[in-house]
């Protein structure tokens, strides 16, 4: 907590030039809504990527970020997850990439922002897991690989959320050793643990954002 306060003091003006600055309340509402929907469905979901970095580094949300990221085990997926967000007036499922058995990814829209749900596929042979993401303008498919992890409970946004127990290891893999230094122009396509994975496969677009 002390480190988070020091970070906030040092970077108090972080992101004020970003067009996304000031949307923290909306991002918090979106994150909390996803958490509550998935809890009602009795599905395991955890905060990931930029949302995870904000929690670990500054005990909150990054003021310049433009979305919220979650992870879920692909093996836990069933149609109730999709149905919960299809036509949802608060957070609507807009794009489905891939399929249940390969590279599934959801993009939701609501609370004036995008929410990504990345589905993680376990690789027992290599004691790792991977998930798929999509390049800007659907220019290609990406694959991020992480070591296998357990999930731990933490307090975030005044509620209990799940996070990977080896958060520091995952952040260093994605953002490098200097993850404590904020980069407002960070592009997820330049993450340290990402690789090209061919062309974008099946895509179903249900709404525009």
C-alpha atoms as a PDB file:
ATOM      1  CA  UNK A   1       0.000   0.000   0.000  1.00  0.00           C
ATOM      2  CA  UNK A   2       2.873   2.379   0.772  1.00  0.00           C
ATOM      3  CA  UNK A   3       4.428   1.700  -2.627  1.00  0.00           C
ATOM      4  CA  UNK A   4       1.078   2.390  -4.293  1.00  0.00           C
ATOM      5  CA  UNK A   5       0.751   5.737  -2.508  1.00  0.00           C
ATOM      6  CA  UNK A   6       4.271   6.684  -3.537  1.00  0.00           C
ATOM      7  CA  UNK A   7       3.471   5.740  -7.131  1.00  0.00           C
ATOM      8  CA  UNK A   8       0.299   7.832  -7.118  1.00  0.00           C
ATOM      9  CA  UNK A   9       2.152  10.827  -5.681  1.00  0.00           C
ATOM     10  CA  UNK A  10       4.975  10.542  -8.203  1.00  0.00           C
ATOM     11  CA  UNK A  11       2.664  10.114 -11.177  1.00  0.00           C
ATOM     12  CA  UNK A  12      -0.281  12.213 -10.011  1.00  0.00           C
ATOM     13  CA  UNK A  13      -0.705  13.736 -13.476  1.00  0.00           C
ATOM     14  CA  UNK A  14      -0.366  10.433 -15.292  1.00  0.00           C
ATOM     15  CA  UNK A  15      -2.627  10.161 -18.300  1.00  0.00           C
ATOM     16  CA  UNK A  16      -4.273  13.576 -18.045  1.00  0.00           C
ATOM     17  CA  UNK A  17      -3.553  14.189 -21.723  1.00  0.00           C
ATOM     18  CA  UNK A  18      -5.273  10.937 -22.695  1.00  0.00           C
ATOM     19  CA  UNK A  19      -8.780  11.084 -24.142  1.00  0.00           C
ATOM     20  CA  UNK A  20      -9.636   8.224 -21.793  1.00  0.00           C
ATOM     21  CA  UNK A  21      -8.641  10.149 -18.673  1.00  0.00           C
ATOM     22  CA  UNK A  22     -11.553  10.600 -16.308  1.00  0.00           C
ATOM     23  CA  UNK A  23     -13.303   7.359 -17.248  1.00  0.00           C
ATOM     24  CA  UNK A  24     -12.160   5.547 -14.129  1.00  0.00           C
ATOM     25  CA  UNK A  25     -15.666   5.421 -12.670  1.00  0.00           C
ATOM     26  CA  UNK A  26     -17.043   3.859 -15.845  1.00  0.00           C
ATOM     27  CA  UNK A  27     -14.240   1.284 -15.922  1.00  0.00           C
ATOM     28  CA  UNK A  28     -14.888   0.417 -12.281  1.00  0.00           C
ATOM     29  CA  UNK A  29     -18.595  -0.026 -12.990  1.00  0.00           C
ATOM     30  CA  UNK A  30     -17.835  -2.257 -15.980  1.00  0.00           C
ATOM     31  CA  UNK A  31     -15.398  -4.411 -14.000  1.00  0.00           C
ATOM     32  CA  UNK A  32     -17.812  -4.786 -11.110  1.00  0.00           C
ATOM     33  CA  UNK A  33     -20.656  -5.679 -13.446  1.00  0.00           C
ATOM     34  CA  UNK A  34     -18.659  -8.449 -15.131  1.00  0.00           C
ATOM     35  CA  UNK A  35     -17.629  -9.782 -11.747  1.00  0.00           C
ATOM     36  CA  UNK A  36     -21.223  -9.908 -10.487  1.00  0.00           C
ATOM     37  CA  UNK A  37     -22.598 -11.531 -13.651  1.00  0.00           C
ATOM     38  CA  UNK A  38     -19.952 -14.245 -13.587  1.00  0.00           C
ATOM     39  CA  UNK A  39     -20.444 -14.837  -9.888  1.00  0.00           C
ATOM     40  CA  UNK A  40     -24.161 -15.327 -10.499  1.00  0.00           C
ATOM     41  CA  UNK A  41     -23.281 -17.864 -13.204  1.00  0.00           C
ATOM     42  CA  UNK A  42     -20.835 -19.517 -10.780  1.00  0.00           C
ATOM     43  CA  UNK A  43     -18.012 -19.062 -13.267  1.00  0.00           C
ATOM     44  CA  UNK A  44     -14.386 -18.455 -12.313  1.00  0.00           C
ATOM     45  CA  UNK A  45     -12.959 -15.246 -13.768  1.00  0.00           C
ATOM     46  CA  UNK A  46      -9.950 -13.132 -12.866  1.00  0.00           C
ATOM     47  CA  UNK A  47      -8.582  -9.672 -13.631  1.00  0.00           C
ATOM     48  CA  UNK A  48      -5.868  -9.684 -16.293  1.00  0.00           C
ATOM     49  CA  UNK A  49      -3.442  -7.540 -18.297  1.00  0.00           C
ATOM     50  CA  UNK A  50      -3.934  -3.782 -17.762  1.00  0.00           C
ATOM     51  CA  UNK A  51      -6.544  -4.276 -15.061  1.00  0.00           C
ATOM     52  CA  UNK A  52      -4.137  -6.591 -13.228  1.00  0.00           C
ATOM     53  CA  UNK A  53      -1.275  -4.116 -13.601  1.00  0.00           C
ATOM     54  CA  UNK A  54      -3.338  -1.281 -12.156  1.00  0.00           C
ATOM     55  CA  UNK A  55      -4.362  -3.375  -9.163  1.00  0.00           C
ATOM     56  CA  UNK A  56      -0.837  -4.593  -8.412  1.00  0.00           C
ATOM     57  CA  UNK A  57       1.069  -1.379  -9.096  1.00  0.00           C
ATOM     58  CA  UNK A  58      -1.221   1.308  -7.770  1.00  0.00           C
ATOM     59  CA  UNK A  59      -4.005  -0.529  -5.939  1.00  0.00           C
ATOM     60  CA  UNK A  60      -6.556   0.788  -8.394  1.00  0.00           C
ATOM     61  CA  UNK A  61      -7.277   1.585 -12.005  1.00  0.00           C
ATOM     62  CA  UNK A  62      -4.884   3.218 -14.446  1.00  0.00           C
ATOM     63  CA  UNK A  63      -6.387   6.630 -15.292  1.00  0.00           C
ATOM     64  CA  UNK A  64      -5.312   6.527 -18.941  1.00  0.00           C
ATOM     65  CA  UNK A  65      -6.373   2.967 -19.754  1.00  0.00           C
ATOM     66  CA  UNK A  66      -9.169   2.467 -22.264  1.00  0.00           C
ATOM     67  CA  UNK A  67     -10.591  -0.959 -21.423  1.00  0.00           C
ATOM     68  CA  UNK A  68     -10.890  -3.674 -18.788  1.00  0.00           C
ATOM     69  CA  UNK A  69      -9.433  -7.170 -19.193  1.00  0.00           C
ATOM     70  CA  UNK A  70     -10.502 -10.465 -17.671  1.00  0.00           C
ATOM     71  CA  UNK A  71      -9.333 -14.043 -17.989  1.00  0.00           C
ATOM     72  CA  UNK A  72     -11.300 -17.278 -17.805  1.00  0.00           C
ATOM     73  CA  UNK A  73     -10.379 -20.921 -18.328  1.00  0.00           C
ATOM     74  CA  UNK A  74     -11.652 -22.072 -21.713  1.00  0.00           C
ATOM     75  CA  UNK A  75     -12.596 -25.426 -20.206  1.00  0.00           C
ATOM     76  CA  UNK A  76     -15.085 -23.630 -17.905  1.00  0.00           C
ATOM     77  CA  UNK A  77     -16.884 -21.943 -20.791  1.00  0.00           C
ATOM     78  CA  UNK A  78     -20.424 -22.854 -21.754  1.00  0.00           C
ATOM     79  CA  UNK A  79     -23.244 -21.104 -23.583  1.00  0.00           C
ATOM     80  CA  UNK A  80     -24.560 -19.407 -20.431  1.00  0.00           C
ATOM     81  CA  UNK A  81     -21.582 -17.017 -20.530  1.00  0.00           C
ATOM     82  CA  UNK A  82     -22.419 -15.865 -24.042  1.00  0.00           C
ATOM     83  CA  UNK A  83     -26.134 -15.681 -23.306  1.00  0.00           C
ATOM     84  CA  UNK A  84     -25.541 -13.492 -20.242  1.00  0.00           C
ATOM     85  CA  UNK A  85     -24.100 -10.694 -22.406  1.00  0.00           C
ATOM     86  CA  UNK A  86     -25.990 -11.067 -25.691  1.00  0.00           C
ATOM     87  CA  UNK A  87     -28.280  -8.036 -25.956  1.00  0.00           C
ATOM     88  CA  UNK A  88     -27.371  -7.036 -22.388  1.00  0.00           C
ATOM     89  CA  UNK A  89     -28.465  -3.379 -21.903  1.00  0.00           C
ATOM     90  CA  UNK A  90     -25.527  -2.614 -19.599  1.00  0.00           C
ATOM     91  CA  UNK A  91     -22.637  -4.556 -21.111  1.00  0.00           C
ATOM     92  CA  UNK A  92     -23.321  -6.067 -24.510  1.00  0.00           C
ATOM     93  CA  UNK A  93     -21.416  -8.812 -26.292  1.00  0.00           C
ATOM     94  CA  UNK A  94     -20.245  -7.215 -29.555  1.00  0.00           C
ATOM     95  CA  UNK A  95     -17.604  -9.498 -31.052  1.00  0.00           C
ATOM     96  CA  UNK A  96     -16.822 -13.187 -30.682  1.00  0.00           C
ATOM     97  CA  UNK A  97     -13.519 -14.360 -32.113  1.00  0.00           C
ATOM     98  CA  UNK A  98     -12.528 -17.989 -32.464  1.00  0.00           C
ATOM     99  CA  UNK A  99     -14.433 -20.930 -31.094  1.00  0.00           C
ATOM    100  CA  UNK A 100     -14.685 -22.789 -27.805  1.00  0.00           C
ATOM    101  CA  UNK A 101     -11.911 -25.218 -28.724  1.00  0.00           C
ATOM    102  CA  UNK A 102      -9.489 -22.638 -30.121  1.00  0.00           C
ATOM    103  CA  UNK A 103      -8.712 -18.932 -29.657  1.00  0.00           C
ATOM    104  CA  UNK A 104     -12.039 -17.864 -28.132  1.00  0.00           C
ATOM    105  CA  UNK A 105     -12.197 -14.180 -27.204  1.00  0.00           C
ATOM    106  CA  UNK A 106     -15.105 -11.859 -26.301  1.00  0.00           C
ATOM    107  CA  UNK A 107     -15.287  -8.097 -26.747  1.00  0.00           C
ATOM    108  CA  UNK A 108     -18.066  -6.431 -24.757  1.00  0.00           C
ATOM    109  CA  UNK A 109     -19.199  -2.823 -24.906  1.00  0.00           C
ATOM    110  CA  UNK A 110     -20.866  -0.794 -22.176  1.00  0.00           C
ATOM    111  CA  UNK A 111     -20.197   1.930 -19.613  1.00  0.00           C
ATOM    112  CA  UNK A 112     -18.548   3.894 -22.465  1.00  0.00           C
ATOM    113  CA  UNK A 113     -15.743   1.351 -22.897  1.00  0.00           C
ATOM    114  CA  UNK A 114     -14.659  -2.063 -24.123  1.00  0.00           C
ATOM    115  CA  UNK A 115     -14.267  -5.080 -21.898  1.00  0.00           C
ATOM    116  CA  UNK A 116     -12.237  -8.062 -23.099  1.00  0.00           C
ATOM    117  CA  UNK A 117     -12.654 -11.602 -21.836  1.00  0.00           C
ATOM    118  CA  UNK A 118      -9.710 -13.775 -22.832  1.00  0.00           C
ATOM    119  CA  UNK A 119     -10.157 -17.540 -22.613  1.00  0.00           C
ATOM    120  CA  UNK A 120      -7.048 -19.368 -21.402  1.00  0.00           C
ATOM    121  CA  UNK A 121      -6.168 -22.813 -22.735  1.00  0.00           C
ATOM    122  CA  UNK A 122      -4.132 -25.088 -20.482  1.00  0.00           C
ATOM    123  CA  UNK A 123      -1.019 -26.763 -21.871  1.00  0.00           C
ATOM    124  CA  UNK A 124      -0.379 -29.479 -19.300  1.00  0.00           C
ATOM    125  CA  UNK A 125       2.642 -30.835 -21.170  1.00  0.00           C
ATOM    126  CA  UNK A 126       4.533 -27.550 -20.831  1.00  0.00           C
ATOM    127  CA  UNK A 127       2.942 -26.506 -17.517  1.00  0.00           C
ATOM    128  CA  UNK A 128       1.707 -23.328 -19.160  1.00  0.00           C
ATOM    129  CA  UNK A 129      -1.403 -21.660 -20.551  1.00  0.00           C
ATOM    130  CA  UNK A 130      -2.099 -19.448 -23.528  1.00  0.00           C
ATOM    131  CA  UNK A 131      -4.769 -17.104 -24.764  1.00  0.00           C
ATOM    132  CA  UNK A 132      -5.541 -15.435 -28.065  1.00  0.00           C
ATOM    133  CA  UNK A 133      -5.972 -11.754 -28.888  1.00  0.00           C
ATOM    134  CA  UNK A 134      -6.501  -9.869 -32.125  1.00  0.00           C
ATOM    135  CA  UNK A 135      -4.348  -7.232 -33.763  1.00  0.00           C
ATOM    136  CA  UNK A 136      -5.794  -3.821 -34.505  1.00  0.00           C
ATOM    137  CA  UNK A 137      -8.069  -3.778 -37.551  1.00  0.00           C
ATOM    138  CA  UNK A 138      -8.169  -7.590 -37.451  1.00  0.00           C
ATOM    139  CA  UNK A 139      -4.758  -7.653 -39.116  1.00  0.00           C
ATOM    140  CA  UNK A 140      -3.839 -10.957 -37.495  1.00  0.00           C
ATOM    141  CA  UNK A 141      -4.111 -13.221 -34.490  1.00  0.00           C
ATOM    142  CA  UNK A 142      -1.767 -13.139 -31.496  1.00  0.00           C
ATOM    143  CA  UNK A 143      -0.899 -15.753 -28.898  1.00  0.00           C
ATOM    144  CA  UNK A 144       0.242 -14.954 -25.352  1.00  0.00           C
ATOM    145  CA  UNK A 145       1.816 -17.708 -23.262  1.00  0.00           C
ATOM    146  CA  UNK A 146       2.160 -17.695 -19.485  1.00  0.00           C
ATOM    147  CA  UNK A 147       3.300 -20.246 -16.899  1.00  0.00           C
ATOM    148  CA  UNK A 148       0.488 -22.171 -15.263  1.00  0.00           C
ATOM    149  CA  UNK A 149      -0.903 -20.423 -12.192  1.00  0.00           C
ATOM    150  CA  UNK A 150      -3.261 -20.791  -9.268  1.00  0.00           C
ATOM    151  CA  UNK A 151      -5.763 -18.098  -8.337  1.00  0.00           C
ATOM    152  CA  UNK A 152      -5.778 -16.017  -5.164  1.00  0.00           C
ATOM    153  CA  UNK A 153      -8.417 -13.719  -3.715  1.00  0.00           C
ATOM    154  CA  UNK A 154      -7.832  -9.995  -3.280  1.00  0.00           C
ATOM    155  CA  UNK A 155      -9.815  -6.868  -2.482  1.00  0.00           C
ATOM    156  CA  UNK A 156     -10.263  -4.617  -5.486  1.00  0.00           C
ATOM    157  CA  UNK A 157     -12.832  -1.843  -6.005  1.00  0.00           C
ATOM    158  CA  UNK A 158     -14.186  -2.703  -2.537  1.00  0.00           C
ATOM    159  CA  UNK A 159     -15.103  -6.228  -3.615  1.00  0.00           C
ATOM    160  CA  UNK A 160     -13.352  -9.590  -3.728  1.00  0.00           C
ATOM    161  CA  UNK A 161     -11.774 -10.496  -7.062  1.00  0.00           C
ATOM    162  CA  UNK A 162      -9.543 -13.330  -8.200  1.00  0.00           C
ATOM    163  CA  UNK A 163      -6.000 -12.688  -9.449  1.00  0.00           C
ATOM    164  CA  UNK A 164      -3.172 -15.022 -10.524  1.00  0.00           C
ATOM    165  CA  UNK A 165      -1.119 -15.875  -7.441  1.00  0.00           C
ATOM    166  CA  UNK A 166       2.090 -15.321  -9.441  1.00  0.00           C
ATOM    167  CA  UNK A 167       1.052 -11.826 -10.538  1.00  0.00           C
ATOM    168  CA  UNK A 168       4.579 -10.381 -10.450  1.00  0.00           C
ATOM    169  CA  UNK A 169       5.894 -13.130 -12.732  1.00  0.00           C
ATOM    170  CA  UNK A 170       3.099 -12.535 -15.232  1.00  0.00           C
ATOM    171  CA  UNK A 171       3.555  -8.760 -15.226  1.00  0.00           C
ATOM    172  CA  UNK A 172       7.285  -9.105 -15.884  1.00  0.00           C
ATOM    173  CA  UNK A 173       6.540 -11.474 -18.752  1.00  0.00           C
ATOM    174  CA  UNK A 174       4.098  -9.058 -20.352  1.00  0.00           C
ATOM    175  CA  UNK A 175       5.541  -5.634 -19.512  1.00  0.00           C
ATOM    176  CA  UNK A 176       9.173  -6.395 -18.754  1.00  0.00           C
ATOM    177  CA  UNK A 177      11.251  -5.708 -15.642  1.00  0.00           C
ATOM    178  CA  UNK A 178      10.341  -2.011 -15.754  1.00  0.00           C
ATOM    179  CA  UNK A 179       6.617  -2.594 -15.284  1.00  0.00           C
ATOM    180  CA  UNK A 180       6.624  -0.043 -12.436  1.00  0.00           C
ATOM    181  CA  UNK A 181       7.337   2.744 -14.932  1.00  0.00           C
ATOM    182  CA  UNK A 182       4.059   3.750 -16.610  1.00  0.00           C
ATOM    183  CA  UNK A 183       3.917   3.909 -20.391  1.00  0.00           C
ATOM    184  CA  UNK A 184       0.837   5.736 -21.624  1.00  0.00           C
ATOM    185  CA  UNK A 185       1.611   4.693 -25.197  1.00  0.00           C
ATOM    186  CA  UNK A 186       2.022   0.979 -24.451  1.00  0.00           C
ATOM    187  CA  UNK A 187       0.758  -1.259 -27.258  1.00  0.00           C
ATOM    188  CA  UNK A 188      -0.325  -4.740 -26.220  1.00  0.00           C
ATOM    189  CA  UNK A 189       1.031  -6.071 -29.508  1.00  0.00           C
ATOM    190  CA  UNK A 190       4.510  -5.337 -28.128  1.00  0.00           C
ATOM    191  CA  UNK A 191       4.074  -7.402 -24.973  1.00  0.00           C
ATOM    192  CA  UNK A 192       7.102  -9.517 -24.109  1.00  0.00           C
ATOM    193  CA  UNK A 193       5.238 -12.836 -24.096  1.00  0.00           C
ATOM    194  CA  UNK A 194       3.283 -12.456 -27.326  1.00  0.00           C
ATOM    195  CA  UNK A 195       3.775 -13.955 -30.775  1.00  0.00           C
ATOM    196  CA  UNK A 196       2.025 -13.927 -34.124  1.00  0.00           C
ATOM    197  CA  UNK A 197      -0.398 -16.783 -34.528  1.00  0.00           C
ATOM    198  CA  UNK A 198      -1.720 -16.605 -38.073  1.00  0.00           C
ATOM    199  CA  UNK A 199      -4.783 -14.946 -39.519  1.00  0.00           C
ATOM    200  CA  UNK A 200      -7.957 -14.101 -37.654  1.00  0.00           C
ATOM    201  CA  UNK A 201     -10.295 -17.061 -37.822  1.00  0.00           C
ATOM    202  CA  UNK A 202     -14.003 -17.151 -37.153  1.00  0.00           C
ATOM    203  CA  UNK A 203     -15.507 -13.806 -36.168  1.00  0.00           C
ATOM    204  CA  UNK A 204     -19.101 -12.996 -35.245  1.00  0.00           C
ATOM    205  CA  UNK A 205     -19.938  -9.294 -34.908  1.00  0.00           C
ATOM    206  CA  UNK A 206     -23.115  -8.601 -32.964  1.00  0.00           C
ATOM    207  CA  UNK A 207     -22.868  -4.827 -32.455  1.00  0.00           C
ATOM    208  CA  UNK A 208     -20.644  -1.853 -33.235  1.00  0.00           C
ATOM    209  CA  UNK A 209     -18.548   0.227 -30.842  1.00  0.00           C
END
